[in-house]
C-alpha atoms as a PDB file:
ATOM      1  CA  MET A   1      25.146  69.341 -17.818  1.00  0.00           C
ATOM      2  CA  LEU A   2      23.451  69.710 -21.290  1.00  0.00           C
ATOM      3  CA  ALA A   3      20.631  68.133 -19.242  1.00  0.00           C
ATOM      4  CA  ALA A   4      20.241  70.832 -16.619  1.00  0.00           C
ATOM      5  CA  VAL A   5      19.531  73.464 -19.829  1.00  0.00           C
ATOM      6  CA  ALA A   6      17.800  71.555 -21.895  1.00  0.00           C
ATOM      7  CA  ASP A   7      15.147  73.811 -22.025  1.00  0.00           C
ATOM      8  CA  GLN A   8      17.617  77.020 -23.079  1.00  0.00           C
ATOM      9  CA  PRO A   9      19.643  77.318 -26.302  1.00  0.00           C
ATOM     10  CA  VAL A  10      23.163  75.944 -25.831  1.00  0.00           C
ATOM     11  CA  THR A  11      25.882  76.578 -28.656  1.00  0.00           C
ATOM     12  CA  ILE A  12      28.911  74.412 -28.280  1.00  0.00           C
ATOM     13  CA  ASP A  13      31.804  76.204 -29.051  1.00  0.00           C
ATOM     14  CA  ALA A  14      34.603  74.095 -30.647  1.00  0.00           C
ATOM     15  CA  SER A  15      36.399  76.384 -33.061  1.00  0.00           C
ATOM     16  CA  GLY A  16      39.229  76.137 -31.090  1.00  0.00           C
ATOM     17  CA  VAL A  17      39.884  72.149 -31.360  1.00  0.00           C
ATOM     18  CA  THR A  18      42.688  71.235 -33.398  1.00  0.00           C
ATOM     19  CA  LYS A  19      43.054  67.864 -33.128  1.00  0.00           C
ATOM     20  CA  LEU A  20      39.721  65.426 -33.512  1.00  0.00           C
ATOM     21  CA  ASP A  21      39.498  61.637 -34.226  1.00  0.00           C
ATOM     22  CA  SER A  22      36.273  59.761 -35.274  1.00  0.00           C
ATOM     23  CA  ALA A  23      35.407  59.139 -31.427  1.00  0.00           C
ATOM     24  CA  GLY A  24      35.682  62.373 -30.474  1.00  0.00           C
ATOM     25  CA  ALA A  25      33.652  63.448 -33.352  1.00  0.00           C
ATOM     26  CA  VAL A  26      30.712  61.507 -32.688  1.00  0.00           C
ATOM     27  CA  LEU A  27      30.927  62.624 -28.741  1.00  0.00           C
ATOM     28  CA  LEU A  28      30.260  66.145 -29.890  1.00  0.00           C
ATOM     29  CA  LEU A  29      27.747  65.633 -32.246  1.00  0.00           C
ATOM     30  CA  GLU A  30      25.944  63.710 -29.704  1.00  0.00           C
ATOM     31  CA  ALA A  31      26.173  66.000 -27.069  1.00  0.00           C
ATOM     32  CA  ALA A  32      25.094  68.888 -29.115  1.00  0.00           C
ATOM     33  CA  GLY A  33      22.014  67.197 -30.944  1.00  0.00           C
ATOM     34  CA  ALA A  34      19.549  69.892 -31.695  1.00  0.00           C
ATOM     35  CA  SER A  35      22.036  72.727 -29.955  1.00  0.00           C
ATOM     36  CA  GLU A  36      24.439  74.794 -32.392  1.00  0.00           C
ATOM     37  CA  LEU A  37      27.962  73.537 -32.556  1.00  0.00           C
ATOM     38  CA  ARG A  38      30.643  75.923 -33.998  1.00  0.00           C
ATOM     39  CA  PRO A  39      33.053  73.685 -36.064  1.00  0.00           C
ATOM     40  CA  PRO A  40      36.551  73.983 -35.469  1.00  0.00           C
ATOM     41  CA  LYS A  41      38.604  76.447 -37.403  1.00  0.00           C
ATOM     42  CA  ASN A  42      41.261  73.658 -38.142  1.00  0.00           C
ATOM     43  CA  GLU A  43      40.822  72.288 -41.494  1.00  0.00           C
ATOM     44  CA  ASN A  44      41.337  68.770 -40.333  1.00  0.00           C
ATOM     45  CA  ALA A  45      39.254  68.486 -37.184  1.00  0.00           C
ATOM     46  CA  ALA A  46      36.313  70.327 -39.340  1.00  0.00           C
ATOM     47  CA  ALA A  47      36.734  67.822 -41.969  1.00  0.00           C
ATOM     48  CA  THR A  48      36.763  64.831 -39.656  1.00  0.00           C
ATOM     49  CA  LEU A  49      33.371  66.589 -37.653  1.00  0.00           C
ATOM     50  CA  GLU A  50      31.737  66.951 -41.251  1.00  0.00           C
ATOM     51  CA  ARG A  51      32.703  63.509 -42.253  1.00  0.00           C
ATOM     52  CA  MET A  52      31.146  61.633 -38.750  1.00  0.00           C
ATOM     53  CA  ARG A  53      28.170  63.990 -38.868  1.00  0.00           C
ATOM     54  CA  HIS A  54      27.048  62.769 -42.827  1.00  0.00           C
ATOM     55  CA  ALA A  55      27.977  59.028 -41.628  1.00  0.00           C
ATOM     56  CA  LEU A  56      25.842  59.807 -38.656  1.00  0.00           C
ATOM     57  CA  ALA A  57      22.977  60.873 -40.940  1.00  0.00           C
ATOM     58  CA  ALA A  58      23.467  57.681 -43.672  1.00  0.00           C
ATOM     59  CA  ALA A  59      23.704  55.243 -40.803  1.00  0.00           C
ATOM     60  CA  PRO A  60      20.103  52.971 -40.335  1.00  0.00           C
ATOM     61  CA  PRO A  61      18.675  53.394 -37.490  1.00  0.00           C
ATOM     62  CA  PRO A  62      19.334  50.968 -34.417  1.00  0.00           C
ATOM     63  CA  LYS A  63      16.978  47.636 -34.768  1.00  0.00           C
ATOM     64  CA  PRO A  64      14.613  47.075 -31.955  1.00  0.00           C
ATOM     65  CA  ALA A  65      15.465  44.775 -29.197  1.00  0.00           C
ATOM     66  CA  PRO A  66      13.805  41.436 -30.177  1.00  0.00           C
ATOM     67  CA  GLN A  67      11.091  40.380 -27.383  1.00  0.00           C
ATOM     68  CA  PRO A  68      11.196  36.832 -26.208  1.00  0.00           C
ATOM     69  CA  HIS A  69       8.834  34.293 -26.850  1.00  0.00           C
ATOM     70  CA  TRP A  70       6.124  34.176 -23.692  1.00  0.00           C
ATOM     71  CA  VAL A  71       7.105  30.081 -24.599  1.00  0.00           C
ATOM     72  CA  SER A  72      10.695  30.954 -23.968  1.00  0.00           C
ATOM     73  CA  LEU A  73       9.655  33.388 -20.934  1.00  0.00           C
ATOM     74  CA  ILE A  74       8.351  30.369 -19.116  1.00  0.00           C
ATOM     75  CA  GLY A  75      10.559  28.199 -19.962  1.00  0.00           C
ATOM     76  CA  ALA A  76      13.523  30.379 -18.289  1.00  0.00           C
ATOM     77  CA  THR A  77      11.317  30.591 -15.162  1.00  0.00           C
ATOM     78  CA  VAL A  78      10.997  26.983 -14.709  1.00  0.00           C
ATOM     79  CA  LEU A  79      14.826  26.872 -15.274  1.00  0.00           C
ATOM     80  CA  HIS A  80      15.423  29.505 -12.518  1.00  0.00           C
ATOM     81  CA  SER A  81      13.183  27.874 -10.179  1.00  0.00           C
ATOM     82  CA  ILE A  82      14.574  24.748 -10.462  1.00  0.00           C
ATOM     83  CA  ALA A  83      17.898  25.861 -10.127  1.00  0.00           C
ATOM     84  CA  GLY A  84      17.251  27.663  -7.159  1.00  0.00           C
ATOM     85  CA  LEU A  85      15.534  24.665  -5.463  1.00  0.00           C
ATOM     86  CA  GLY A  86      18.549  22.633  -6.230  1.00  0.00           C
ATOM     87  CA  ARG A  87      20.744  25.245  -4.499  1.00  0.00           C
ATOM     88  CA  ARG A  88      18.609  25.277  -1.677  1.00  0.00           C
ATOM     89  CA  VAL A  89      18.758  21.596  -1.350  1.00  0.00           C
ATOM     90  CA  SER A  90      22.380  21.284  -2.068  1.00  0.00           C
ATOM     91  CA  PHE A  91      22.563  24.182   0.830  1.00  0.00           C
ATOM     92  CA  LEU A  92      20.199  21.840   3.306  1.00  0.00           C
ATOM     93  CA  GLY A  93      22.329  18.867   2.312  1.00  0.00           C
ATOM     94  CA  GLU A  94      25.943  20.729   3.504  1.00  0.00           C
ATOM     95  CA  VAL A  95      24.165  21.724   6.682  1.00  0.00           C
ATOM     96  CA  THR A  96      22.797  18.321   7.413  1.00  0.00           C
ATOM     97  CA  LEU A  97      26.300  17.007   6.859  1.00  0.00           C
ATOM     98  CA  GLY A  98      28.035  19.444   8.548  1.00  0.00           C
ATOM     99  CA  SER A  99      25.475  19.114  11.623  1.00  0.00           C
ATOM    100  CA  LEU A 100      26.295  15.403  11.811  1.00  0.00           C
ATOM    101  CA  ALA A 101      30.286  16.226  11.581  1.00  0.00           C
ATOM    102  CA  MET A 102      29.859  18.764  14.388  1.00  0.00           C
ATOM    103  CA  LEU A 103      27.647  15.967  16.756  1.00  0.00           C
ATOM    104  CA  SER A 104      30.337  13.738  16.170  1.00  0.00           C
ATOM    105  CA  HIS A 105      33.144  16.025  17.005  1.00  0.00           C
ATOM    106  CA  PRO A 106      31.728  18.559  19.416  1.00  0.00           C
ATOM    107  CA  TRP A 107      35.094  19.772  20.773  1.00  0.00           C
ATOM    108  CA  ARG A 108      35.237  21.211  17.064  1.00  0.00           C
ATOM    109  CA  MET A 109      32.131  23.446  17.833  1.00  0.00           C
ATOM    110  CA  ARG A 110      32.617  27.086  18.363  1.00  0.00           C
ATOM    111  CA  ARG A 111      31.500  27.124  21.652  1.00  0.00           C
ATOM    112  CA  VAL A 112      31.917  30.972  22.189  1.00  0.00           C
ATOM    113  CA  GLU A 113      30.407  31.910  18.863  1.00  0.00           C
ATOM    114  CA  VAL A 114      27.121  29.489  19.891  1.00  0.00           C
ATOM    115  CA  LEU A 115      27.156  31.564  23.124  1.00  0.00           C
ATOM    116  CA  ARG A 116      27.106  34.454  21.528  1.00  0.00           C
ATOM    117  CA  HIS A 117      24.217  34.091  19.082  1.00  0.00           C
ATOM    118  CA  LEU A 118      21.932  32.376  21.855  1.00  0.00           C
ATOM    119  CA  ALA A 119      22.546  35.717  23.654  1.00  0.00           C
ATOM    120  CA  GLU A 120      21.713  37.781  20.415  1.00  0.00           C
ATOM    121  CA  ALA A 121      18.739  35.389  19.328  1.00  0.00           C
ATOM    122  CA  GLY A 122      17.463  34.390  22.830  1.00  0.00           C
ATOM    123  CA  THR A 123      17.945  36.860  25.630  1.00  0.00           C
ATOM    124  CA  ALA A 124      17.935  39.667  23.536  1.00  0.00           C
ATOM    125  CA  ALA A 125      14.741  38.474  22.114  1.00  0.00           C
ATOM    126  CA  PHE A 126      12.828  37.921  25.373  1.00  0.00           C
ATOM    127  CA  GLY A 127      11.500  41.824  25.846  1.00  0.00           C
ATOM    128  CA  LEU A 128       9.874  41.583  22.190  1.00  0.00           C
ATOM    129  CA  CYS A 129       8.293  38.246  22.686  1.00  0.00           C
ATOM    130  CA  ALA A 130       6.962  38.902  26.055  1.00  0.00           C
ATOM    131  CA  LEU A 131       5.510  42.094  24.546  1.00  0.00           C
ATOM    132  CA  LEU A 132       4.397  40.413  21.588  1.00  0.00           C
ATOM    133  CA  GLY A 133       2.726  37.279  24.012  1.00  0.00           C
ATOM    134  CA  LEU A 134       1.303  39.741  26.370  1.00  0.00           C
ATOM    135  CA  LEU A 135      -0.605  41.745  23.562  1.00  0.00           C
ATOM    136  CA  PHE A 136      -1.546  38.534  21.410  1.00  0.00           C
ATOM    137  CA  GLY A 137      -2.967  36.602  24.443  1.00  0.00           C
ATOM    138  CA  VAL A 138      -5.092  40.137  25.760  1.00  0.00           C
ATOM    139  CA  ILE A 139      -6.523  40.577  21.967  1.00  0.00           C
ATOM    140  CA  LEU A 140      -7.431  36.859  21.347  1.00  0.00           C
ATOM    141  CA  ALA A 141      -8.963  36.965  25.254  1.00  0.00           C
ATOM    142  CA  PHE A 142     -10.991  39.946  24.480  1.00  0.00           C
ATOM    143  CA  GLN A 143     -12.227  38.813  21.189  1.00  0.00           C
ATOM    144  CA  SER A 144     -13.363  35.733  22.141  1.00  0.00           C
ATOM    145  CA  SER A 145     -15.065  36.669  24.842  1.00  0.00           C
ATOM    146  CA  ILE A 146     -17.332  38.938  23.141  1.00  0.00           C
ATOM    147  CA  PRO A 147     -19.353  35.652  21.492  1.00  0.00           C
ATOM    148  CA  MET A 148     -18.507  33.626  24.648  1.00  0.00           C
ATOM    149  CA  ARG A 149     -20.401  35.879  26.618  1.00  0.00           C
ATOM    150  CA  GLN A 150     -23.695  35.422  24.776  1.00  0.00           C
ATOM    151  CA  TYR A 151     -24.008  32.015  26.122  1.00  0.00           C
ATOM    152  CA  GLY A 152     -22.392  32.343  29.645  1.00  0.00           C
ATOM    153  CA  ALA A 153     -19.277  30.384  28.577  1.00  0.00           C
ATOM    154  CA  GLU A 154     -16.811  33.024  29.629  1.00  0.00           C
ATOM    155  CA  ILE A 155     -15.348  30.876  31.853  1.00  0.00           C
ATOM    156  CA  PHE A 156     -13.544  28.862  29.025  1.00  0.00           C
ATOM    157  CA  ILE A 157     -11.546  31.913  27.524  1.00  0.00           C
ATOM    158  CA  PRO A 158      -8.607  30.146  29.402  1.00  0.00           C
ATOM    159  CA  ASN A 159      -9.146  26.797  27.744  1.00  0.00           C
ATOM    160  CA  LEU A 160      -9.252  28.216  24.651  1.00  0.00           C
ATOM    161  CA  VAL A 161      -6.301  30.619  24.748  1.00  0.00           C
ATOM    162  CA  GLY A 162      -4.403  28.032  26.858  1.00  0.00           C
ATOM    163  CA  ILE A 163      -4.564  25.518  24.085  1.00  0.00           C
ATOM    164  CA  GLY A 164      -4.081  27.817  20.712  1.00  0.00           C
ATOM    165  CA  LEU A 165      -0.880  29.208  22.592  1.00  0.00           C
ATOM    166  CA  LEU A 166       0.717  25.744  24.008  1.00  0.00           C
ATOM    167  CA  ARG A 167      -0.182  23.746  20.807  1.00  0.00           C
ATOM    168  CA  GLU A 168      -0.067  25.558  17.795  1.00  0.00           C
ATOM    169  CA  LEU A 169       0.289  29.717  18.740  1.00  0.00           C
ATOM    170  CA  GLY A 170       2.944  30.304  20.640  1.00  0.00           C
ATOM    171  CA  GLY A 171       5.750  28.153  19.010  1.00  0.00           C
ATOM    172  CA  LEU A 172       4.157  30.015  16.124  1.00  0.00           C
ATOM    173  CA  MET A 173       4.663  33.477  16.828  1.00  0.00           C
ATOM    174  CA  ALA A 174       7.891  32.816  18.258  1.00  0.00           C
ATOM    175  CA  ALA A 175       9.207  31.138  14.834  1.00  0.00           C
ATOM    176  CA  ILE A 176       7.629  34.532  13.468  1.00  0.00           C
ATOM    177  CA  ILE A 177      10.198  36.556  15.584  1.00  0.00           C
ATOM    178  CA  MET A 178      13.364  34.551  15.042  1.00  0.00           C
ATOM    179  CA  ALA A 179      12.836  34.771  11.141  1.00  0.00           C
ATOM    180  CA  GLY A 180      11.941  38.410  11.327  1.00  0.00           C
ATOM    181  CA  ARG A 181      14.480  39.414  13.969  1.00  0.00           C
ATOM    182  CA  SER A 182      17.234  36.718  14.003  1.00  0.00           C
ATOM    183  CA  GLY A 183      16.991  35.554  10.852  1.00  0.00           C
ATOM    184  CA  SER A 184      17.040  39.178   8.968  1.00  0.00           C
ATOM    185  CA  ALA A 185      20.398  40.195  11.082  1.00  0.00           C
ATOM    186  CA  TYR A 186      22.110  36.544  10.300  1.00  0.00           C
ATOM    187  CA  ALA A 187      21.255  37.173   6.485  1.00  0.00           C
ATOM    188  CA  ALA A 188      22.430  40.920   6.827  1.00  0.00           C
ATOM    189  CA  GLU A 189      25.700  40.119   8.339  1.00  0.00           C
ATOM    190  CA  LEU A 190      26.681  37.246   6.133  1.00  0.00           C
ATOM    191  CA  ALA A 191      25.871  39.689   3.061  1.00  0.00           C
ATOM    192  CA  THR A 192      27.650  41.867   4.554  1.00  0.00           C
ATOM    193  CA  MET A 193      30.531  39.333   4.767  1.00  0.00           C
ATOM    194  CA  LYS A 194      30.402  38.001   1.364  1.00  0.00           C
ATOM    195  CA  VAL A 195      30.350  41.620  -0.358  1.00  0.00           C
ATOM    196  CA  ASN A 196      33.765  42.308   1.698  1.00  0.00           C
ATOM    197  CA  ASP A 197      35.084  39.001   0.324  1.00  0.00           C
ATOM    198  CA  GLU A 198      35.444  37.428   3.766  1.00  0.00           C
ATOM    199  CA  ILE A 199      33.661  34.339   2.902  1.00  0.00           C
ATOM    200  CA  ASP A 200      35.997  34.063   0.209  1.00  0.00           C
ATOM    201  CA  ALA A 201      39.041  34.918   2.540  1.00  0.00           C
ATOM    202  CA  LEU A 202      37.973  32.158   5.206  1.00  0.00           C
ATOM    203  CA  ALA A 203      38.250  29.544   2.065  1.00  0.00           C
ATOM    204  CA  THR A 204      41.505  30.948   0.823  1.00  0.00           C
ATOM    205  CA  MET A 205      42.806  29.947   4.441  1.00  0.00           C
ATOM    206  CA  GLY A 206      41.380  26.321   4.483  1.00  0.00           C
ATOM    207  CA  VAL A 207      38.591  27.121   6.881  1.00  0.00           C
ATOM    208  CA  ASP A 208      35.338  25.868   5.897  1.00  0.00           C
ATOM    209  CA  PRO A 209      32.812  28.746   6.213  1.00  0.00           C
ATOM    210  CA  LEU A 210      29.782  26.580   6.629  1.00  0.00           C
ATOM    211  CA  ALA A 211      31.618  25.251  10.140  1.00  0.00           C
ATOM    212  CA  TRP A 212      32.560  28.758  10.834  1.00  0.00           C
ATOM    213  CA  LEU A 213      29.736  31.044  10.066  1.00  0.00           C
ATOM    214  CA  VAL A 214      26.727  28.935   9.545  1.00  0.00           C
ATOM    215  CA  LEU A 215      26.226  26.112  12.135  1.00  0.00           C
ATOM    216  CA  PRO A 216      27.291  28.200  14.905  1.00  0.00           C
ATOM    217  CA  ARG A 217      23.573  30.495  14.005  1.00  0.00           C
ATOM    218  CA  ILE A 218      21.491  27.455  12.924  1.00  0.00           C
ATOM    219  CA  LEU A 219      22.949  25.770  16.361  1.00  0.00           C
ATOM    220  CA  ALA A 220      22.096  28.687  18.428  1.00  0.00           C
ATOM    221  CA  ALA A 221      18.250  29.158  16.978  1.00  0.00           C
ATOM    222  CA  VAL A 222      17.802  25.847  17.117  1.00  0.00           C
ATOM    223  CA  LEU A 223      18.514  25.714  21.114  1.00  0.00           C
ATOM    224  CA  VAL A 224      16.733  29.250  21.434  1.00  0.00           C
ATOM    225  CA  MET A 225      13.372  28.695  19.866  1.00  0.00           C
ATOM    226  CA  PRO A 226      11.896  26.774  22.812  1.00  0.00           C
ATOM    227  CA  VAL A 227      12.632  29.076  25.230  1.00  0.00           C
ATOM    228  CA  LEU A 228      11.086  31.761  22.974  1.00  0.00           C
ATOM    229  CA  ALA A 229       8.094  30.105  22.109  1.00  0.00           C
ATOM    230  CA  LEU A 230       7.730  29.459  26.162  1.00  0.00           C
ATOM    231  CA  VAL A 231       8.035  33.388  26.802  1.00  0.00           C
ATOM    232  CA  VAL A 232       5.620  33.970  24.034  1.00  0.00           C
ATOM    233  CA  THR A 233       2.930  31.379  25.680  1.00  0.00           C
ATOM    234  CA  LEU A 234       3.535  32.058  29.297  1.00  0.00           C
ATOM    235  CA  SER A 235       3.148  35.970  28.529  1.00  0.00           C
ATOM    236  CA  GLY A 236       0.195  35.175  26.423  1.00  0.00           C
ATOM    237  CA  LEU A 237      -1.222  33.279  29.193  1.00  0.00           C
ATOM    238  CA  VAL A 238      -0.422  36.755  31.567  1.00  0.00           C
ATOM    239  CA  GLY A 239      -2.224  39.078  28.830  1.00  0.00           C
ATOM    240  CA  MET A 240      -5.567  36.450  28.879  1.00  0.00           C
ATOM    241  CA  GLY A 241      -5.660  36.631  32.854  1.00  0.00           C
ATOM    242  CA  PHE A 242      -5.483  40.308  32.850  1.00  0.00           C
ATOM    243  CA  VAL A 243      -8.615  40.185  30.731  1.00  0.00           C
ATOM    244  CA  MET A 244     -10.321  37.665  32.771  1.00  0.00           C
ATOM    245  CA  ALA A 245      -9.464  39.767  35.711  1.00  0.00           C
ATOM    246  CA  THR A 246     -11.658  42.410  33.872  1.00  0.00           C
ATOM    247  CA  LEU A 247     -14.571  40.299  33.140  1.00  0.00           C
ATOM    248  CA  GLY A 248     -15.012  39.347  37.139  1.00  0.00           C
ATOM    249  CA  TYR A 249     -13.147  36.184  37.233  1.00  0.00           C
ATOM    250  CA  PRO A 250     -10.010  35.743  39.989  1.00  0.00           C
ATOM    251  CA  PRO A 251      -6.524  34.140  38.898  1.00  0.00           C
ATOM    252  CA  ALA A 252      -7.615  31.174  40.804  1.00  0.00           C
ATOM    253  CA  ALA A 253     -10.621  30.262  38.794  1.00  0.00           C
ATOM    254  CA  VAL A 254      -8.267  30.492  35.818  1.00  0.00           C
ATOM    255  CA  LEU A 255      -5.491  28.653  37.014  1.00  0.00           C
ATOM    256  CA  SER A 256      -8.173  25.833  37.856  1.00  0.00           C
ATOM    257  CA  GLN A 257      -9.481  26.159  34.361  1.00  0.00           C
ATOM    258  CA  LEU A 258      -5.804  25.950  33.214  1.00  0.00           C
ATOM    259  CA  ARG A 259      -4.886  23.052  35.398  1.00  0.00           C
ATOM    260  CA  GLN A 260      -8.221  21.298  34.381  1.00  0.00           C
ATOM    261  CA  TYR A 261      -7.796  21.200  30.644  1.00  0.00           C
ATOM    262  CA  LEU A 262      -4.472  21.540  29.554  1.00  0.00           C
ATOM    263  CA  GLN A 263      -2.123  18.530  29.746  1.00  0.00           C
ATOM    264  CA  VAL A 264       1.670  18.153  29.473  1.00  0.00           C
ATOM    265  CA  GLY A 265       1.411  16.460  26.020  1.00  0.00           C
ATOM    266  CA  ASP A 266       0.000  20.327  24.913  1.00  0.00           C
END
């Protein structure tokens, strides 16, 4: 309240105060600051206020907080990094053991949850994967056509785009989409459950949170990743086909190049 009128003269009227302890006196003095403070009419309250005023004036200024040495800062950072790495390794070990236990006892798998996460991370992401793959194929084919046109090698654009998408870029784009879309959704959902103490409630009821919450999501992500990579790759090839059509190459020529240079191992 005082901060809102900091540029105006303020008077704190404490004349009606009849009882005042040291904490109240300090609060009044700190609130008043440079403003005018009318002392209480009660003698005991006024004496307490005056006594605390002199005590605050005679008190030594607070010592500044000691600045940590740069060596200790480096050590704290290293220890924090090691602790974080240990937590990640521990979590990876728990996931590995939980996955092995789930594979050895498949009837314990939460099939409904796995199917739900498959739908959320898979079929719901097909449109985004197809759009990004199409744009990626168009951009890659168009940009590569500029230098290849100088050497009359435009017919080899399907080879470049096809091999790049099948061997590396299709899976990479699918992984980025999975991490950015589904991974962030998983993190937000689990973090909300953590804040609401739902994970602690599962542990209290004797339910393993890892098997109940983490493993179905990981299994769904592992199963759907190849499908998303295939969608991105096929969409990229379609986008490359559009660019080749604008350059005057029919679809038959593009398919012939793909069949000639692409193999099953790609």
